[in-house]
Amino acid sequence: MNPFSSNAAIIKKLTEAKNLPTDIFLFVQYDAAKKFLGAPNTKETQLSLLLKPIFELSITHQFKRNDFRPIPNVDIVLLRIKKREKPMVEQQNEKLYRDFIVYSFNAWKPILKEGLNKIFTDHQLLRLARI
């Protein structure tokens, strides 16, 4: 079993807790860390967009494979998830933001724009794309 297969579930559990931790450090697979970080490292994911308004994510250390026994077949990093002092989304808008992101990623369209056409005009989508 891959010891890193539960990373997303662990991160969700920690970042959705009633009493949010102020600082989290996790050993994670490098490719997974890039997905949690989102842009500019890779494409944004639902989880990266849900985390960013409340947490700052960074890779604080890249380990060598031979730092571990047995030697893993993947690159390992130390991922830091630090609670922002001032969230990017106001508390009264957190649920709206979360619902919007979840809707956007689950609209069953291969292109995000197609899924959002039901709630935004073409002009609004162009403005959003520039932000």
N, C-alpha and C. Protein backbone atom coordinates (compact mmCIF):
# COMPACT_ATOMS: atom_id res chain seq x y z
N MET A 1 0.84 -1.18 0.00
CA MET A 1 0.00 0.00 0.00
C MET A 1 0.88 1.24 0.00
N ASN A 2 0.50 2.21 -0.79
CA ASN A 2 1.23 3.47 -0.87
C ASN A 2 0.92 4.30 0.38
N PRO A 3 1.96 4.66 1.16
CA PRO A 3 1.69 5.43 2.38
C PRO A 3 1.17 6.83 2.11
N PHE A 4 1.23 7.28 0.85
CA PHE A 4 0.80 8.64 0.52
C PHE A 4 -0.58 8.68 -0.13
N SER A 5 -1.23 7.55 -0.23
CA SER A 5 -2.52 7.49 -0.92
C SER A 5 -3.64 8.21 -0.18
N SER A 6 -3.45 8.50 1.09
CA SER A 6 -4.49 9.15 1.89
C SER A 6 -4.23 10.63 2.13
N ASN A 7 -3.25 11.20 1.44
CA ASN A 7 -2.89 12.61 1.68
C ASN A 7 -4.06 13.56 1.58
N ALA A 8 -4.83 13.49 0.51
CA ALA A 8 -5.94 14.42 0.32
C ALA A 8 -6.96 14.28 1.46
N ALA A 9 -7.26 13.06 1.83
CA ALA A 9 -8.23 12.84 2.91
C ALA A 9 -7.71 13.40 4.24
N ILE A 10 -6.43 13.22 4.50
CA ILE A 10 -5.83 13.74 5.74
C ILE A 10 -5.86 15.26 5.73
N ILE A 11 -5.50 15.86 4.60
CA ILE A 11 -5.50 17.33 4.50
C ILE A 11 -6.90 17.87 4.67
N LYS A 12 -7.88 17.25 4.05
CA LYS A 12 -9.27 17.70 4.22
C LYS A 12 -9.69 17.62 5.68
N LYS A 13 -9.37 16.51 6.33
CA LYS A 13 -9.74 16.32 7.74
C LYS A 13 -9.13 17.43 8.62
N LEU A 14 -7.85 17.72 8.39
CA LEU A 14 -7.16 18.73 9.19
C LEU A 14 -7.66 20.15 8.89
N THR A 15 -7.93 20.44 7.63
CA THR A 15 -8.29 21.81 7.24
C THR A 15 -9.78 22.10 7.34
N GLU A 16 -10.57 21.09 7.61
CA GLU A 16 -12.00 21.29 7.80
C GLU A 16 -12.41 21.07 9.26
N ALA A 17 -11.43 20.96 10.14
CA ALA A 17 -11.69 20.74 11.56
C ALA A 17 -12.40 21.94 12.16
N LYS A 18 -13.13 21.70 13.22
CA LYS A 18 -13.85 22.78 13.90
C LYS A 18 -12.87 23.83 14.42
N ASN A 19 -11.80 23.38 15.04
CA ASN A 19 -10.74 24.27 15.51
C ASN A 19 -9.54 24.09 14.59
N LEU A 20 -9.41 24.98 13.60
CA LEU A 20 -8.36 24.83 12.60
C LEU A 20 -6.98 24.97 13.21
N PRO A 21 -6.07 24.06 12.83
CA PRO A 21 -4.68 24.22 13.28
C PRO A 21 -4.08 25.45 12.61
N THR A 22 -3.12 26.09 13.27
CA THR A 22 -2.48 27.27 12.69
C THR A 22 -1.33 26.88 11.77
N ASP A 23 -0.76 25.71 11.97
CA ASP A 23 0.37 25.27 11.16
C ASP A 23 0.37 23.74 11.07
N ILE A 24 0.49 23.24 9.85
CA ILE A 24 0.49 21.80 9.61
C ILE A 24 1.72 21.48 8.77
N PHE A 25 2.45 20.45 9.13
CA PHE A 25 3.57 19.96 8.34
C PHE A 25 3.33 18.49 8.01
N LEU A 26 3.38 18.15 6.73
CA LEU A 26 3.14 16.77 6.30
C LEU A 26 4.20 16.31 5.31
N PHE A 27 4.60 15.06 5.42
CA PHE A 27 5.42 14.42 4.41
C PHE A 27 4.47 13.99 3.30
N VAL A 28 4.69 14.48 2.09
CA VAL A 28 3.82 14.10 0.98
C VAL A 28 4.64 13.86 -0.27
N GLN A 29 4.06 13.13 -1.18
CA GLN A 29 4.68 12.91 -2.48
C GLN A 29 4.74 14.24 -3.22
N TYR A 30 5.85 14.50 -3.90
CA TYR A 30 6.07 15.78 -4.58
C TYR A 30 4.95 16.10 -5.57
N ASP A 31 4.54 15.13 -6.38
CA ASP A 31 3.48 15.37 -7.37
C ASP A 31 2.17 15.76 -6.69
N ALA A 32 1.86 15.15 -5.57
CA ALA A 32 0.65 15.49 -4.83
C ALA A 32 0.77 16.90 -4.25
N ALA A 33 1.94 17.24 -3.74
CA ALA A 33 2.15 18.58 -3.18
C ALA A 33 1.89 19.65 -4.24
N LYS A 34 2.34 19.41 -5.46
CA LYS A 34 2.11 20.38 -6.54
C LYS A 34 0.61 20.56 -6.77
N LYS A 35 -0.15 19.48 -6.69
CA LYS A 35 -1.61 19.59 -6.88
C LYS A 35 -2.25 20.37 -5.74
N PHE A 36 -1.77 20.16 -4.52
CA PHE A 36 -2.31 20.91 -3.39
C PHE A 36 -1.97 22.39 -3.50
N LEU A 37 -0.78 22.69 -4.03
CA LEU A 37 -0.35 24.08 -4.20
C LEU A 37 -1.10 24.78 -5.32
N GLY A 38 -1.46 24.03 -6.36
CA GLY A 38 -2.14 24.62 -7.51
C GLY A 38 -1.21 25.54 -8.29
N ALA A 39 -1.80 26.53 -8.96
CA ALA A 39 -1.01 27.46 -9.78
C ALA A 39 -0.05 28.25 -8.89
N PRO A 40 1.12 28.58 -9.36
CA PRO A 40 1.68 28.40 -10.70
C PRO A 40 2.40 27.07 -10.90
N ASN A 41 2.35 26.18 -9.92
CA ASN A 41 3.07 24.90 -10.01
C ASN A 41 2.42 23.91 -10.97
N THR A 42 1.12 23.94 -11.03
CA THR A 42 0.34 23.05 -11.89
C THR A 42 -1.06 23.65 -12.00
N LYS A 43 -1.97 22.94 -12.66
CA LYS A 43 -3.35 23.43 -12.76
C LYS A 43 -3.99 23.44 -11.38
N GLU A 44 -4.92 24.38 -11.22
CA GLU A 44 -5.66 24.42 -9.97
C GLU A 44 -6.55 23.19 -9.86
N THR A 45 -6.70 22.70 -8.65
CA THR A 45 -7.61 21.59 -8.38
C THR A 45 -8.71 22.12 -7.45
N GLN A 46 -9.74 21.34 -7.30
CA GLN A 46 -10.81 21.75 -6.38
C GLN A 46 -10.23 21.96 -4.99
N LEU A 47 -9.40 21.03 -4.54
CA LEU A 47 -8.84 21.14 -3.19
C LEU A 47 -7.92 22.35 -3.06
N SER A 48 -7.09 22.61 -4.08
CA SER A 48 -6.18 23.76 -3.98
C SER A 48 -6.97 25.07 -3.87
N LEU A 49 -8.06 25.18 -4.63
CA LEU A 49 -8.86 26.40 -4.58
C LEU A 49 -9.67 26.52 -3.28
N LEU A 50 -10.01 25.39 -2.68
CA LEU A 50 -10.71 25.44 -1.40
C LEU A 50 -9.75 25.81 -0.26
N LEU A 51 -8.49 25.43 -0.38
CA LEU A 51 -7.51 25.70 0.67
C LEU A 51 -6.96 27.13 0.63
N LYS A 52 -6.71 27.64 -0.57
CA LYS A 52 -5.99 28.91 -0.72
C LYS A 52 -6.56 30.11 0.03
N PRO A 53 -7.86 30.30 0.11
CA PRO A 53 -8.35 31.49 0.82
C PRO A 53 -8.06 31.46 2.33
N ILE A 54 -7.88 30.29 2.89
CA ILE A 54 -7.73 30.16 4.34
C ILE A 54 -6.30 29.81 4.74
N PHE A 55 -5.58 29.13 3.83
CA PHE A 55 -4.24 28.64 4.15
C PHE A 55 -3.22 29.07 3.09
N GLU A 56 -1.99 29.24 3.54
CA GLU A 56 -0.85 29.43 2.65
C GLU A 56 -0.14 28.08 2.58
N LEU A 57 0.07 27.58 1.38
CA LEU A 57 0.74 26.29 1.21
C LEU A 57 2.11 26.51 0.60
N SER A 58 3.08 25.74 1.09
CA SER A 58 4.43 25.84 0.54
C SER A 58 5.18 24.53 0.78
N ILE A 59 6.15 24.29 -0.08
CA ILE A 59 7.05 23.16 0.11
C ILE A 59 8.26 23.71 0.86
N THR A 60 8.49 23.20 2.07
CA THR A 60 9.57 23.74 2.89
C THR A 60 10.86 22.94 2.78
N HIS A 61 10.76 21.70 2.30
CA HIS A 61 11.97 20.88 2.16
C HIS A 61 11.72 19.76 1.15
N GLN A 62 12.71 19.53 0.32
CA GLN A 62 12.66 18.39 -0.60
C GLN A 62 13.68 17.36 -0.10
N PHE A 63 13.19 16.18 0.19
CA PHE A 63 14.05 15.13 0.71
C PHE A 63 14.72 14.37 -0.42
N LYS A 64 15.83 13.75 -0.09
CA LYS A 64 16.47 12.81 -1.02
C LYS A 64 15.81 11.46 -0.78
N ARG A 65 15.69 10.71 -1.84
CA ARG A 65 15.05 9.39 -1.68
C ARG A 65 15.78 8.52 -0.68
N ASN A 66 17.10 8.64 -0.63
CA ASN A 66 17.85 7.78 0.30
C ASN A 66 17.82 8.30 1.74
N ASP A 67 17.02 9.34 2.00
CA ASP A 67 16.77 9.78 3.38
C ASP A 67 15.84 8.79 4.09
N PHE A 68 15.21 7.91 3.34
CA PHE A 68 14.21 6.98 3.89
C PHE A 68 14.63 5.54 3.68
N ARG A 69 14.15 4.69 4.58
CA ARG A 69 14.32 3.24 4.45
C ARG A 69 12.98 2.60 4.66
N PRO A 70 12.47 1.81 3.80
CA PRO A 70 13.04 1.52 2.48
C PRO A 70 13.00 2.76 1.59
N ILE A 71 13.84 2.79 0.59
CA ILE A 71 13.92 3.91 -0.32
C ILE A 71 12.63 3.95 -1.16
N PRO A 72 11.92 5.09 -1.13
CA PRO A 72 10.67 5.17 -1.89
C PRO A 72 10.92 5.30 -3.39
N ASN A 73 9.91 5.00 -4.17
CA ASN A 73 9.98 5.15 -5.63
C ASN A 73 9.53 6.52 -6.10
N VAL A 74 9.19 7.40 -5.16
CA VAL A 74 8.69 8.73 -5.48
C VAL A 74 9.49 9.77 -4.71
N ASP A 75 9.42 11.01 -5.18
CA ASP A 75 10.07 12.12 -4.48
C ASP A 75 9.17 12.59 -3.35
N ILE A 76 9.79 12.87 -2.19
CA ILE A 76 9.05 13.26 -0.99
C ILE A 76 9.44 14.68 -0.59
N VAL A 77 8.42 15.45 -0.18
CA VAL A 77 8.66 16.82 0.29
C VAL A 77 7.94 17.03 1.62
N LEU A 78 8.36 18.09 2.30
CA LEU A 78 7.66 18.51 3.51
C LEU A 78 6.75 19.66 3.10
N LEU A 79 5.44 19.43 3.20
CA LEU A 79 4.44 20.42 2.82
C LEU A 79 3.98 21.16 4.07
N ARG A 80 4.02 22.49 3.98
CA ARG A 80 3.53 23.32 5.08
C ARG A 80 2.19 23.93 4.68
N ILE A 81 1.23 23.80 5.57
CA ILE A 81 -0.09 24.39 5.38
C ILE A 81 -0.30 25.31 6.58
N LYS A 82 -0.17 26.60 6.33
CA LYS A 82 -0.22 27.60 7.41
C LYS A 82 -1.51 28.42 7.28
N LYS A 83 -2.23 28.51 8.37
CA LYS A 83 -3.47 29.29 8.39
C LYS A 83 -3.13 30.76 8.19
N ARG A 84 -3.84 31.40 7.27
CA ARG A 84 -3.64 32.83 7.02
C ARG A 84 -4.12 33.65 8.22
N GLU A 85 -3.39 34.71 8.52
CA GLU A 85 -3.84 35.59 9.60
C GLU A 85 -5.15 36.27 9.22
N LYS A 86 -5.26 36.66 7.93
CA LYS A 86 -6.49 37.26 7.42
C LYS A 86 -6.92 36.45 6.20
N PRO A 87 -8.00 35.69 6.31
CA PRO A 87 -8.46 34.89 5.17
C PRO A 87 -8.76 35.77 3.95
N MET A 88 -8.62 35.21 2.76
CA MET A 88 -8.88 35.93 1.52
C MET A 88 -10.37 36.03 1.21
N VAL A 89 -11.18 35.21 1.86
CA VAL A 89 -12.63 35.24 1.71
C VAL A 89 -13.21 35.53 3.09
N GLU A 90 -14.09 36.52 3.16
CA GLU A 90 -14.70 36.87 4.44
C GLU A 90 -15.53 35.71 4.96
N GLN A 91 -15.57 35.57 6.28
CA GLN A 91 -16.23 34.44 6.91
C GLN A 91 -17.67 34.26 6.45
N GLN A 92 -18.41 35.37 6.28
CA GLN A 92 -19.81 35.25 5.87
C GLN A 92 -19.94 34.75 4.43
N ASN A 93 -18.85 34.79 3.64
CA ASN A 93 -18.88 34.34 2.25
C ASN A 93 -18.22 32.97 2.03
N GLU A 94 -17.70 32.37 3.10
CA GLU A 94 -16.99 31.09 2.96
C GLU A 94 -17.86 30.01 2.34
N LYS A 95 -19.08 29.86 2.80
CA LYS A 95 -19.96 28.82 2.25
C LYS A 95 -20.27 29.09 0.78
N LEU A 96 -20.54 30.34 0.43
CA LEU A 96 -20.81 30.69 -0.98
C LEU A 96 -19.59 30.36 -1.85
N TYR A 97 -18.40 30.71 -1.37
CA TYR A 97 -17.18 30.42 -2.12
C TYR A 97 -17.01 28.91 -2.30
N ARG A 98 -17.17 28.18 -1.21
CA ARG A 98 -17.02 26.72 -1.25
C ARG A 98 -18.03 26.10 -2.22
N ASP A 99 -19.28 26.53 -2.13
CA ASP A 99 -20.32 26.00 -3.02
C ASP A 99 -20.00 26.31 -4.49
N PHE A 100 -19.50 27.53 -4.74
CA PHE A 100 -19.14 27.92 -6.11
C PHE A 100 -18.02 27.04 -6.66
N ILE A 101 -16.98 26.81 -5.87
CA ILE A 101 -15.85 25.98 -6.33
C ILE A 101 -16.31 24.55 -6.56
N VAL A 102 -17.06 23.98 -5.64
CA VAL A 102 -17.53 22.61 -5.78
C VAL A 102 -18.44 22.50 -7.01
N TYR A 103 -19.34 23.45 -7.19
CA TYR A 103 -20.22 23.44 -8.37
C TYR A 103 -19.38 23.51 -9.65
N SER A 104 -18.41 24.40 -9.66
CA SER A 104 -17.58 24.59 -10.86
C SER A 104 -16.85 23.32 -11.27
N PHE A 105 -16.37 22.57 -10.31
CA PHE A 105 -15.61 21.36 -10.61
C PHE A 105 -16.50 20.14 -10.81
N ASN A 106 -17.77 20.26 -10.49
CA ASN A 106 -18.65 19.10 -10.61
C ASN A 106 -19.81 19.34 -11.57
N ALA A 107 -19.64 20.27 -12.50
CA ALA A 107 -20.71 20.60 -13.44
C ALA A 107 -20.77 19.61 -14.60
N TRP A 108 -19.94 18.58 -14.59
CA TRP A 108 -19.95 17.52 -15.59
C TRP A 108 -19.68 18.04 -17.00
N LYS A 109 -18.82 19.00 -17.11
CA LYS A 109 -18.43 19.52 -18.42
C LYS A 109 -16.91 19.40 -18.52
N PRO A 110 -16.41 19.03 -19.70
CA PRO A 110 -14.96 18.85 -19.83
C PRO A 110 -14.19 20.16 -19.75
N ILE A 111 -14.85 21.27 -19.98
CA ILE A 111 -14.20 22.58 -19.93
C ILE A 111 -14.92 23.41 -18.87
N LEU A 112 -14.16 24.03 -17.99
CA LEU A 112 -14.74 24.79 -16.89
C LEU A 112 -15.72 25.84 -17.41
N LYS A 113 -15.38 26.50 -18.50
CA LYS A 113 -16.26 27.55 -19.07
C LYS A 113 -17.64 26.99 -19.39
N GLU A 114 -17.70 25.78 -19.94
CA GLU A 114 -18.99 25.18 -20.28
C GLU A 114 -19.84 24.96 -19.03
N GLY A 115 -19.22 24.54 -17.97
CA GLY A 115 -19.95 24.31 -16.73
C GLY A 115 -20.46 25.59 -16.09
N LEU A 116 -19.72 26.69 -16.32
CA LEU A 116 -20.10 27.96 -15.71
C LEU A 116 -21.05 28.79 -16.58
N ASN A 117 -21.29 28.35 -17.81
CA ASN A 117 -22.19 29.08 -18.71
C ASN A 117 -23.60 29.21 -18.14
N LYS A 118 -23.97 28.33 -17.24
CA LYS A 118 -25.32 28.38 -16.66
C LYS A 118 -25.46 29.50 -15.63
N ILE A 119 -24.34 29.98 -15.10
CA ILE A 119 -24.44 31.01 -14.06
C ILE A 119 -23.77 32.33 -14.44
N PHE A 120 -22.94 32.34 -15.51
CA PHE A 120 -22.28 33.57 -15.95
C PHE A 120 -22.51 33.79 -17.43
N THR A 121 -22.56 35.07 -17.81
CA THR A 121 -22.62 35.40 -19.24
C THR A 121 -21.20 35.27 -19.81
N ASP A 122 -21.09 35.27 -21.14
CA ASP A 122 -19.77 35.21 -21.78
C ASP A 122 -18.91 36.39 -21.35
N HIS A 123 -19.51 37.57 -21.26
CA HIS A 123 -18.77 38.76 -20.84
C HIS A 123 -18.23 38.59 -19.42
N GLN A 124 -19.05 38.07 -18.51
CA GLN A 124 -18.61 37.86 -17.13
C GLN A 124 -17.48 36.83 -17.08
N LEU A 125 -17.58 35.77 -17.87
CA LEU A 125 -16.53 34.75 -17.89
C LEU A 125 -15.20 35.34 -18.40
N LEU A 126 -15.27 36.20 -19.40
CA LEU A 126 -14.05 36.85 -19.89
C LEU A 126 -13.42 37.73 -18.82
N ARG A 127 -14.24 38.44 -18.07
CA ARG A 127 -13.72 39.26 -16.97
C ARG A 127 -13.09 38.40 -15.88
N LEU A 128 -13.73 37.29 -15.55
CA LEU A 128 -13.18 36.38 -14.54
C LEU A 128 -11.85 35.78 -14.98
N ALA A 129 -11.74 35.48 -16.25
CA ALA A 129 -10.52 34.87 -16.78
C ALA A 129 -9.32 35.82 -16.65
N ARG A 130 -9.57 37.11 -16.61
CA ARG A 130 -8.47 38.08 -16.52
C ARG A 130 -8.01 38.30 -15.09
N ILE A 131 -8.79 37.87 -14.12
CA ILE A 131 -8.45 38.09 -12.70
C ILE A 131 -7.31 37.20 -12.29
